[in-house]
N, C-alpha and C. Protein backbone atom coordinates (compact mmCIF):
# COMPACT_ATOMS: atom_id res chain seq x y z
N MET A 1 17.35 9.81 3.60
CA MET A 1 17.63 8.31 4.26
C MET A 1 18.18 7.70 2.91
N ALA A 2 19.28 7.09 3.26
CA ALA A 2 20.44 6.46 2.23
C ALA A 2 19.31 4.45 2.16
N ILE A 3 20.12 4.45 0.80
CA ILE A 3 19.46 3.22 -0.20
C ILE A 3 19.79 1.76 0.38
N THR A 4 19.54 1.33 0.61
CA THR A 4 19.87 -0.04 1.18
C THR A 4 19.54 -1.01 0.33
N GLU A 5 20.19 -2.07 0.68
CA GLU A 5 20.04 -3.99 0.05
C GLU A 5 18.70 -3.68 0.39
N GLN A 6 18.03 -3.60 0.88
CA GLN A 6 16.67 -4.09 1.91
C GLN A 6 15.78 -3.26 1.18
N ILE A 7 15.73 -1.99 0.97
CA ILE A 7 14.66 -1.33 0.10
C ILE A 7 14.79 -2.59 -1.10
N MET A 8 16.26 -2.26 -2.07
CA MET A 8 16.00 -2.97 -3.11
C MET A 8 15.36 -4.55 -3.39
N GLN A 9 15.53 -5.19 -2.16
CA GLN A 9 14.19 -5.92 -2.30
C GLN A 9 12.95 -6.24 -2.58
N TYR A 10 12.65 -4.98 -2.00
CA TYR A 10 10.89 -5.10 -2.12
C TYR A 10 10.54 -5.12 -4.07
N LYS A 11 9.36 -5.84 -3.60
CA LYS A 11 8.77 -6.31 -4.02
C LYS A 11 8.52 -5.07 -5.61
N ILE A 12 7.77 -3.77 -5.01
CA ILE A 12 7.83 -3.30 -5.67
C ILE A 12 8.56 -2.10 -5.79
N PHE A 13 10.20 -2.36 -5.99
CA PHE A 13 11.17 -1.58 -7.08
C PHE A 13 12.03 -3.12 -7.81
N GLU A 14 11.35 -3.81 -7.54
CA GLU A 14 11.62 -5.16 -8.31
C GLU A 14 12.66 -4.72 -9.96
N GLY A 15 13.77 -4.70 -10.22
CA GLY A 15 13.82 -4.00 -11.64
C GLY A 15 14.52 -3.11 -11.75
N LEU A 16 14.23 -2.11 -10.53
CA LEU A 16 14.74 -1.08 -10.26
C LEU A 16 16.59 -0.52 -10.32
N SER A 17 17.04 0.74 -10.49
CA SER A 17 17.96 0.38 -10.42
C SER A 17 18.97 1.34 -9.62
N PRO A 18 19.43 1.30 -8.49
CA PRO A 18 20.05 2.35 -7.28
C PRO A 18 19.36 3.99 -7.29
N ASN A 19 20.04 4.01 -9.28
CA ASN A 19 19.67 5.21 -9.91
C ASN A 19 18.16 6.01 -9.65
N GLU A 20 17.17 4.84 -10.47
CA GLU A 20 16.13 4.95 -10.49
C GLU A 20 15.15 5.18 -9.25
N LEU A 21 15.72 3.99 -8.43
CA LEU A 21 15.36 4.24 -7.16
C LEU A 21 15.06 5.55 -6.42
N GLU A 22 16.71 5.93 -6.34
CA GLU A 22 16.38 7.38 -6.07
C GLU A 22 15.83 8.72 -6.59
N LYS A 23 14.86 8.85 -7.52
CA LYS A 23 14.26 9.62 -8.48
C LYS A 23 12.75 9.32 -7.32
N PHE A 24 12.61 7.44 -6.62
CA PHE A 24 11.40 7.61 -6.22
C PHE A 24 11.54 8.34 -4.35
N MET A 25 12.89 7.61 -3.86
CA MET A 25 13.25 8.40 -3.08
C MET A 25 13.09 10.27 -2.95
N ALA A 26 13.12 10.68 -3.77
CA ALA A 26 13.08 11.84 -4.05
C ALA A 26 11.75 12.62 -4.09
N VAL A 27 10.42 11.45 -4.06
CA VAL A 27 8.82 12.72 -4.08
C VAL A 27 8.63 11.80 -2.96
N SER A 28 9.69 11.25 -1.91
CA SER A 28 8.53 10.02 -1.07
C SER A 28 8.97 10.75 0.00
N GLN A 29 8.90 10.89 1.30
CA GLN A 29 9.19 10.98 2.85
C GLN A 29 8.71 10.63 3.56
N GLU A 30 10.01 9.99 5.14
CA GLU A 30 9.23 8.65 5.80
C GLU A 30 8.46 9.17 7.13
N VAL A 31 7.71 9.19 7.10
CA VAL A 31 6.38 8.92 8.55
C VAL A 31 6.54 7.69 9.31
N SER A 32 6.46 7.90 10.34
CA SER A 32 6.17 7.64 11.46
C SER A 32 4.86 7.06 12.20
N PHE A 33 4.10 6.26 12.83
CA PHE A 33 2.66 5.89 12.80
C PHE A 33 2.68 4.95 13.97
N LYS A 34 2.68 5.92 15.20
CA LYS A 34 1.87 4.58 16.68
C LYS A 34 0.71 3.16 16.38
N SER A 35 1.26 1.96 16.80
CA SER A 35 0.64 1.04 17.21
C SER A 35 -0.82 1.67 16.91
N GLY A 36 -1.98 1.18 16.52
CA GLY A 36 -2.71 1.46 16.87
C GLY A 36 -3.30 3.40 15.85
N GLU A 37 -2.76 3.88 14.91
CA GLU A 37 -3.68 4.80 14.67
C GLU A 37 -3.77 4.84 13.52
N VAL A 38 -4.72 5.10 13.06
CA VAL A 38 -5.60 4.73 11.46
C VAL A 38 -4.80 5.72 10.38
N ILE A 39 -4.50 5.33 9.85
CA ILE A 39 -3.48 5.99 8.16
C ILE A 39 -4.72 6.38 7.74
N LEU A 40 -5.63 5.62 6.62
CA LEU A 40 -6.66 5.32 5.76
C LEU A 40 -7.97 5.23 6.14
N GLU A 41 -8.68 5.90 6.21
CA GLU A 41 -10.24 5.88 6.90
C GLU A 41 -10.93 4.58 6.24
N GLU A 42 -11.80 3.29 5.51
CA GLU A 42 -12.80 3.50 4.53
C GLU A 42 -13.26 4.01 4.39
N SER A 43 -13.79 3.92 2.95
CA SER A 43 -14.89 5.14 2.18
C SER A 43 -14.35 7.18 2.88
N SER A 44 -13.23 7.30 2.85
CA SER A 44 -13.06 8.62 2.94
C SER A 44 -12.78 8.78 1.33
N PHE A 45 -13.27 10.63 1.12
CA PHE A 45 -12.04 10.84 0.08
C PHE A 45 -12.21 12.26 0.13
N GLY A 46 -10.80 12.33 -0.48
CA GLY A 46 -10.00 13.69 -0.29
C GLY A 46 -8.70 13.53 -1.07
N ALA A 47 -8.38 14.62 -1.36
CA ALA A 47 -7.10 14.79 -2.49
C ALA A 47 -6.05 13.73 -1.08
N ASP A 48 -5.93 12.98 -1.01
CA ASP A 48 -4.74 12.49 -0.18
C ASP A 48 -4.85 11.13 -0.93
N SER A 49 -4.00 11.01 -1.71
CA SER A 49 -4.33 9.69 -2.68
C SER A 49 -2.50 9.52 -2.31
N ASP A 50 -2.54 8.97 -1.63
CA ASP A 50 -0.43 9.30 -1.11
C ASP A 50 -0.48 7.11 -1.64
N PHE A 51 0.50 7.10 -1.60
CA PHE A 51 0.69 5.40 -1.50
C PHE A 51 1.84 5.28 -0.86
N PHE A 52 1.68 4.37 0.24
CA PHE A 52 2.72 4.58 1.34
C PHE A 52 4.02 2.29 1.35
N ILE A 53 4.93 2.94 1.17
CA ILE A 53 5.19 1.62 0.85
C ILE A 53 6.31 1.34 3.06
N ILE A 54 5.61 -0.21 3.13
CA ILE A 54 6.11 -0.14 4.56
C ILE A 54 7.35 -0.20 4.72
N LEU A 55 8.70 0.16 5.37
CA LEU A 55 9.43 0.19 6.18
C LEU A 55 9.88 -0.66 7.03
N GLN A 56 9.16 -0.49 8.02
CA GLN A 56 9.13 -1.43 9.15
C GLN A 56 7.85 -1.34 10.39
N GLY A 57 8.00 -2.34 10.49
CA GLY A 57 6.17 -2.50 11.24
C GLY A 57 5.41 -3.13 10.20
N ASN A 58 3.93 -3.22 11.18
CA ASN A 58 2.83 -3.89 10.18
C ASN A 58 1.55 -2.88 10.28
N VAL A 59 1.07 -3.41 9.25
CA VAL A 59 -0.05 -2.36 9.67
C VAL A 59 -1.90 -3.63 9.06
N LYS A 60 -2.71 -3.22 9.63
CA LYS A 60 -3.31 -4.30 9.45
C LYS A 60 -4.57 -3.56 8.29
N VAL A 61 -5.41 -4.01 7.85
CA VAL A 61 -6.17 -3.47 6.44
C VAL A 61 -7.38 -4.15 7.08
N GLU A 62 -8.65 -3.44 7.06
CA GLU A 62 -9.99 -4.04 7.61
C GLU A 62 -11.25 -2.83 6.35
N ILE A 63 -12.03 -4.40 6.57
CA ILE A 63 -13.35 -3.69 5.70
C ILE A 63 -14.24 -3.57 7.12
N GLN A 64 -15.29 -2.47 7.14
CA GLN A 64 -17.13 -3.38 7.94
C GLN A 64 -17.74 -3.70 7.35
N ALA A 65 -17.97 -4.69 8.43
CA ALA A 65 -19.18 -6.13 7.28
C ALA A 65 -20.41 -5.78 8.12
N SER A 66 -21.12 -6.16 7.23
CA SER A 66 -23.44 -7.09 8.52
C SER A 66 -22.51 -7.69 8.22
N ARG A 67 -22.91 -8.43 9.81
CA ARG A 67 -23.61 -10.33 9.46
C ARG A 67 -24.48 -9.91 8.85
N SER A 68 -24.28 -11.85 8.41
CA SER A 68 -26.12 -11.18 7.56
C SER A 68 -26.98 -11.81 8.22
N PHE A 69 -27.32 -12.39 9.13
CA PHE A 69 -28.99 -12.49 10.20
C PHE A 69 -28.52 -11.60 10.69
N THR A 70 -28.02 -9.94 11.30
CA THR A 70 -28.20 -9.23 12.58
C THR A 70 -28.01 -8.15 11.81
N GLY A 71 -27.71 -8.46 10.46
CA GLY A 71 -27.11 -7.00 10.12
C GLY A 71 -26.35 -5.95 10.93
N GLU A 72 -25.67 -6.57 12.73
CA GLU A 72 -24.56 -5.91 13.46
C GLU A 72 -23.59 -5.93 12.27
N LYS A 73 -23.13 -4.52 12.14
CA LYS A 73 -21.35 -4.14 11.75
C LYS A 73 -20.47 -4.88 12.49
N ALA A 74 -19.09 -4.93 12.23
CA ALA A 74 -17.73 -5.51 12.52
C ALA A 74 -17.05 -5.99 11.49
N ASN A 75 -15.58 -5.39 11.75
CA ASN A 75 -14.57 -4.98 11.18
C ASN A 75 -14.28 -7.00 10.70
N LYS A 76 -13.86 -6.40 9.58
CA LYS A 76 -13.70 -8.19 9.04
C LYS A 76 -12.04 -7.33 8.54
N ARG A 77 -11.30 -8.56 8.84
CA ARG A 77 -9.82 -8.38 9.00
C ARG A 77 -9.07 -9.44 7.45
N LEU A 78 -8.77 -8.17 6.56
CA LEU A 78 -8.64 -8.93 5.14
C LEU A 78 -6.99 -9.02 4.58
N ALA A 79 -6.20 -8.55 5.85
CA ALA A 79 -4.68 -8.76 5.50
C ALA A 79 -3.83 -8.34 6.66
N VAL A 80 -2.88 -8.75 7.03
CA VAL A 80 -1.86 -8.32 7.42
C VAL A 80 -0.46 -7.74 6.93
N LEU A 81 -0.49 -6.37 6.63
CA LEU A 81 0.64 -5.97 5.99
C LEU A 81 2.20 -5.70 6.87
N LYS A 82 3.54 -6.29 6.52
CA LYS A 82 4.51 -5.91 7.14
C LYS A 82 5.86 -5.99 5.62
N ASP A 83 6.93 -5.27 6.23
CA ASP A 83 7.82 -4.51 5.34
C ASP A 83 8.31 -5.03 4.30
N GLY A 84 8.08 -3.43 3.68
CA GLY A 84 8.41 -3.96 1.81
C GLY A 84 6.66 -3.90 1.51
N GLU A 85 6.03 -3.96 2.05
CA GLU A 85 5.02 -4.51 0.99
C GLU A 85 3.94 -3.22 1.10
N VAL A 86 3.11 -3.04 -0.05
CA VAL A 86 2.54 -1.80 0.00
C VAL A 86 0.84 -1.76 0.16
N PHE A 87 0.44 -0.40 -0.09
CA PHE A 87 -1.02 -0.05 0.75
C PHE A 87 -1.21 1.45 -0.07
N GLY A 88 -2.21 2.21 -0.23
CA GLY A 88 -2.73 3.06 -0.81
C GLY A 88 -3.41 3.03 -2.25
N GLU A 89 -2.42 1.30 -2.82
CA GLU A 89 -2.62 1.57 -3.93
C GLU A 89 -3.72 1.80 -4.56
N MET A 90 -5.31 1.22 -4.14
CA MET A 90 -6.21 1.28 -4.30
C MET A 90 -6.67 3.24 -4.85
N GLY A 91 -6.26 4.24 -3.89
CA GLY A 91 -6.37 5.97 -4.10
C GLY A 91 -5.39 6.25 -4.75
N LEU A 92 -3.89 5.38 -5.28
CA LEU A 92 -3.25 6.31 -5.94
C LEU A 92 -3.49 5.98 -7.72
N LEU A 93 -4.59 4.31 -8.01
CA LEU A 93 -4.21 4.74 -9.08
C LEU A 93 -5.93 4.95 -9.50
N GLY A 94 -6.87 4.93 -8.78
CA GLY A 94 -8.15 5.43 -9.39
C GLY A 94 -8.47 6.77 -8.40
N SER A 95 -7.74 6.95 -7.75
CA SER A 95 -7.91 8.12 -6.90
C SER A 95 -9.92 8.85 -6.70
N LYS A 96 -10.18 7.52 -6.13
CA LYS A 96 -11.67 6.89 -5.67
C LYS A 96 -11.68 6.69 -4.21
N ARG A 97 -13.10 7.03 -3.89
CA ARG A 97 -13.11 6.76 -1.55
C ARG A 97 -12.14 5.11 -1.55
N ARG A 98 -11.14 5.77 -0.12
CA ARG A 98 -10.15 4.41 0.35
C ARG A 98 -11.77 3.00 0.14
N SER A 99 -10.85 1.44 -0.06
CA SER A 99 -12.18 0.75 0.05
C SER A 99 -12.17 -0.30 1.14
N ALA A 100 -10.58 0.48 1.95
CA ALA A 100 -10.60 -0.41 3.23
C ALA A 100 -10.20 0.58 4.08
N ARG A 101 -10.49 -0.14 5.86
CA ARG A 101 -9.13 1.03 6.48
C ARG A 101 -8.29 0.23 6.99
N VAL A 102 -7.25 1.12 7.22
CA VAL A 102 -5.74 0.98 7.01
C VAL A 102 -5.09 1.43 8.33
N SER A 103 -4.70 0.50 9.43
CA SER A 103 -4.00 1.36 11.24
C SER A 103 -2.78 0.58 11.23
N ALA A 104 -2.14 1.43 12.37
CA ALA A 104 -0.95 0.69 12.30
C ALA A 104 -1.22 -0.66 12.85
N TYR A 105 -0.70 -1.74 12.83
CA TYR A 105 -1.03 -2.85 14.30
C TYR A 105 0.24 -2.76 15.12
N SER A 106 1.42 -1.77 14.45
CA SER A 106 3.04 -2.18 15.75
C SER A 106 2.80 -0.48 15.69
N ASP A 107 4.01 -0.04 15.84
CA ASP A 107 4.74 1.11 16.00
C ASP A 107 5.57 0.15 14.06
N LEU A 108 5.25 2.14 13.00
CA LEU A 108 5.47 1.65 11.81
C LEU A 108 6.12 3.14 11.82
N VAL A 109 7.19 2.18 10.14
CA VAL A 109 7.91 3.95 9.70
C VAL A 109 7.47 2.86 8.39
N VAL A 110 7.05 4.39 7.93
CA VAL A 110 6.94 4.40 6.04
C VAL A 110 7.21 4.84 4.96
N LEU A 111 7.62 5.07 4.07
CA LEU A 111 7.55 5.30 3.47
C LEU A 111 6.52 6.25 2.56
N LYS A 112 5.91 7.53 2.08
CA LYS A 112 4.95 7.83 1.85
C LYS A 112 5.58 8.39 0.89
N VAL A 113 4.40 7.99 -0.29
CA VAL A 113 5.03 8.58 -1.97
C VAL A 113 4.23 9.15 -3.02
N ASN A 114 4.80 10.79 -2.84
CA ASN A 114 2.96 11.56 -3.19
C ASN A 114 2.89 10.70 -4.94
N GLN A 115 1.36 10.93 -5.17
CA GLN A 115 0.52 10.59 -6.26
C GLN A 115 0.94 11.28 -7.50
N GLN A 116 1.16 12.79 -6.83
CA GLN A 116 1.40 13.79 -8.12
C GLN A 116 2.60 13.87 -8.35
N LYS A 117 3.45 13.75 -7.77
CA LYS A 117 5.10 13.60 -8.36
C LYS A 117 5.21 11.81 -9.46
N LEU A 118 5.15 11.29 -8.34
CA LEU A 118 5.39 9.79 -8.43
C LEU A 118 4.07 9.68 -10.14
N PHE A 119 3.59 10.04 -10.58
CA PHE A 119 3.28 10.25 -11.70
C PHE A 119 3.74 11.04 -12.66
N GLU A 120 4.40 11.70 -11.90
CA GLU A 120 5.27 12.61 -13.01
C GLU A 120 6.60 11.85 -13.74
N ILE A 121 7.07 11.06 -12.40
CA ILE A 121 7.94 10.29 -12.52
C ILE A 121 7.97 9.23 -14.01
N LEU A 122 6.42 8.02 -13.70
CA LEU A 122 6.27 7.43 -14.15
C LEU A 122 5.35 8.00 -15.66
N THR A 123 5.46 9.15 -16.01
CA THR A 123 5.27 9.80 -17.15
C THR A 123 6.78 10.27 -17.97
N ASP A 124 7.35 10.90 -17.43
CA ASP A 124 9.13 11.02 -17.94
C ASP A 124 9.85 10.65 -17.66
N THR A 125 9.66 9.40 -17.51
CA THR A 125 10.59 7.92 -17.39
C THR A 125 9.64 6.66 -17.74
N PRO A 126 9.81 5.93 -19.01
CA PRO A 126 8.82 5.16 -19.35
C PRO A 126 9.33 4.11 -18.82
N HIS A 127 10.47 4.32 -18.81
CA HIS A 127 11.05 2.59 -18.07
C HIS A 127 10.53 2.14 -16.97
N ILE A 128 10.74 3.09 -15.48
CA ILE A 128 10.43 3.13 -14.61
C ILE A 128 9.08 3.12 -13.80
N GLY A 129 8.72 4.00 -14.93
CA GLY A 129 6.54 3.72 -15.31
C GLY A 129 6.41 2.08 -15.33
N TYR A 130 7.02 1.70 -16.46
CA TYR A 130 6.38 0.42 -16.74
C TYR A 130 6.54 -0.80 -15.71
N LEU A 131 7.87 -0.64 -15.48
CA LEU A 131 8.45 -1.35 -14.35
C LEU A 131 7.58 -1.58 -13.45
N PHE A 132 7.50 -0.44 -12.63
CA PHE A 132 6.65 0.01 -11.36
C PHE A 132 5.08 -0.37 -11.34
N MET A 133 4.62 -0.05 -12.63
CA MET A 133 3.57 -0.74 -12.84
C MET A 133 3.77 -2.03 -12.98
N ARG A 134 4.26 -3.05 -13.63
CA ARG A 134 4.62 -4.41 -13.37
C ARG A 134 3.83 -5.19 -12.53
N ASN A 135 5.08 -4.25 -11.81
CA ASN A 135 5.68 -4.87 -9.97
C ASN A 135 4.31 -4.82 -8.98
N LEU A 136 3.23 -3.26 -9.69
CA LEU A 136 2.01 -3.11 -8.88
C LEU A 136 0.93 -4.09 -9.59
N ALA A 137 1.19 -4.56 -10.41
CA ALA A 137 0.17 -5.26 -10.92
C ALA A 137 0.53 -6.32 -10.50
N ALA A 138 1.43 -7.03 -10.24
CA ALA A 138 2.43 -8.63 -9.36
C ALA A 138 1.59 -8.72 -8.09
N ILE A 139 1.83 -7.57 -7.49
CA ILE A 139 1.04 -7.13 -6.31
C ILE A 139 -0.11 -7.78 -5.70
N LEU A 140 -0.99 -6.63 -7.28
CA LEU A 140 -2.49 -7.08 -7.04
C LEU A 140 -2.43 -7.90 -7.41
N SER A 141 -2.26 -8.90 -8.29
CA SER A 141 -2.72 -10.17 -8.36
C SER A 141 -2.35 -11.65 -7.84
N ASP A 142 -1.44 -11.48 -6.30
CA ASP A 142 -1.04 -11.87 -5.75
C ASP A 142 -1.81 -11.80 -4.79
N ARG A 143 -2.40 -10.21 -4.05
CA ARG A 143 -3.75 -10.37 -2.96
C ARG A 143 -4.96 -11.09 -3.55
N ILE A 144 -5.33 -10.74 -4.85
CA ILE A 144 -6.16 -11.30 -5.17
C ILE A 144 -6.47 -12.94 -4.85
N MET A 145 -5.18 -13.53 -5.06
CA MET A 145 -5.61 -14.61 -5.19
C MET A 145 -5.58 -15.63 -3.85
N ASP A 146 -4.66 -14.35 -2.78
CA ASP A 146 -4.90 -14.58 -1.73
C ASP A 146 -6.19 -14.40 -1.32
N MET A 147 -6.75 -13.48 -1.30
CA MET A 147 -8.31 -13.47 -0.76
C MET A 147 -9.40 -14.35 -1.31
N ASN A 148 -8.99 -14.88 -2.50
CA ASN A 148 -9.65 -16.34 -3.18
C ASN A 148 -9.74 -17.20 -2.20
N PHE A 149 -8.36 -17.72 -2.13
CA PHE A 149 -7.79 -19.07 -1.13
C PHE A 149 -8.74 -18.85 0.29
N MET A 150 -8.89 -17.28 0.65
CA MET A 150 -9.01 -17.02 2.36
C MET A 150 -10.54 -17.19 2.11
N TRP A 151 -11.29 -16.65 1.31
CA TRP A 151 -12.49 -16.92 1.32
C TRP A 151 -13.82 -18.15 0.76
N ARG A 152 -12.89 -18.68 -0.45
CA ARG A 152 -12.73 -20.09 -0.38
C ARG A 152 -12.83 -21.07 0.68
N ASN A 153 -11.76 -21.16 2.04
CA ASN A 153 -11.82 -22.12 3.01
C ASN A 153 -13.28 -21.27 3.99
N GLU A 154 -13.46 -19.93 4.12
CA GLU A 154 -14.85 -19.63 5.05
C GLU A 154 -16.06 -20.43 4.69
N ILE A 155 -16.35 -20.86 3.45
CA ILE A 155 -16.97 -21.31 3.24
C ILE A 155 -17.33 -22.43 3.72
């Protein structure tokens, strides 16, 4: 896949040069999903701790919650993510069970980044490691703030 101006604008790549971005591309592959297809299952374990960057389309992020009075289970949408946004970061960072279900909300093309190879790049090239982790921290901080406002409005 050729590096485009669009990909260089993604928040996760902020501050990286085209040559540094090439290193990410070398450990990544383009993967397509059909609308409705589950990409990550909530509470799943496994060795697949890859990280995903949305190139085209949308995903919905949901958790299964119990209704307080009935105990009935229902899916609660946490977010809809679009082009340039990332998911799978919790598994990438912690290699623990998945905290939410992620499914294609439309036909979808993602860049799937291999965890082990990504960590090799981040370790071998501290400048890239710093920028990637700084950008990921900013993304997660924004999500926490968005979630705080969303839940505040539900009370």
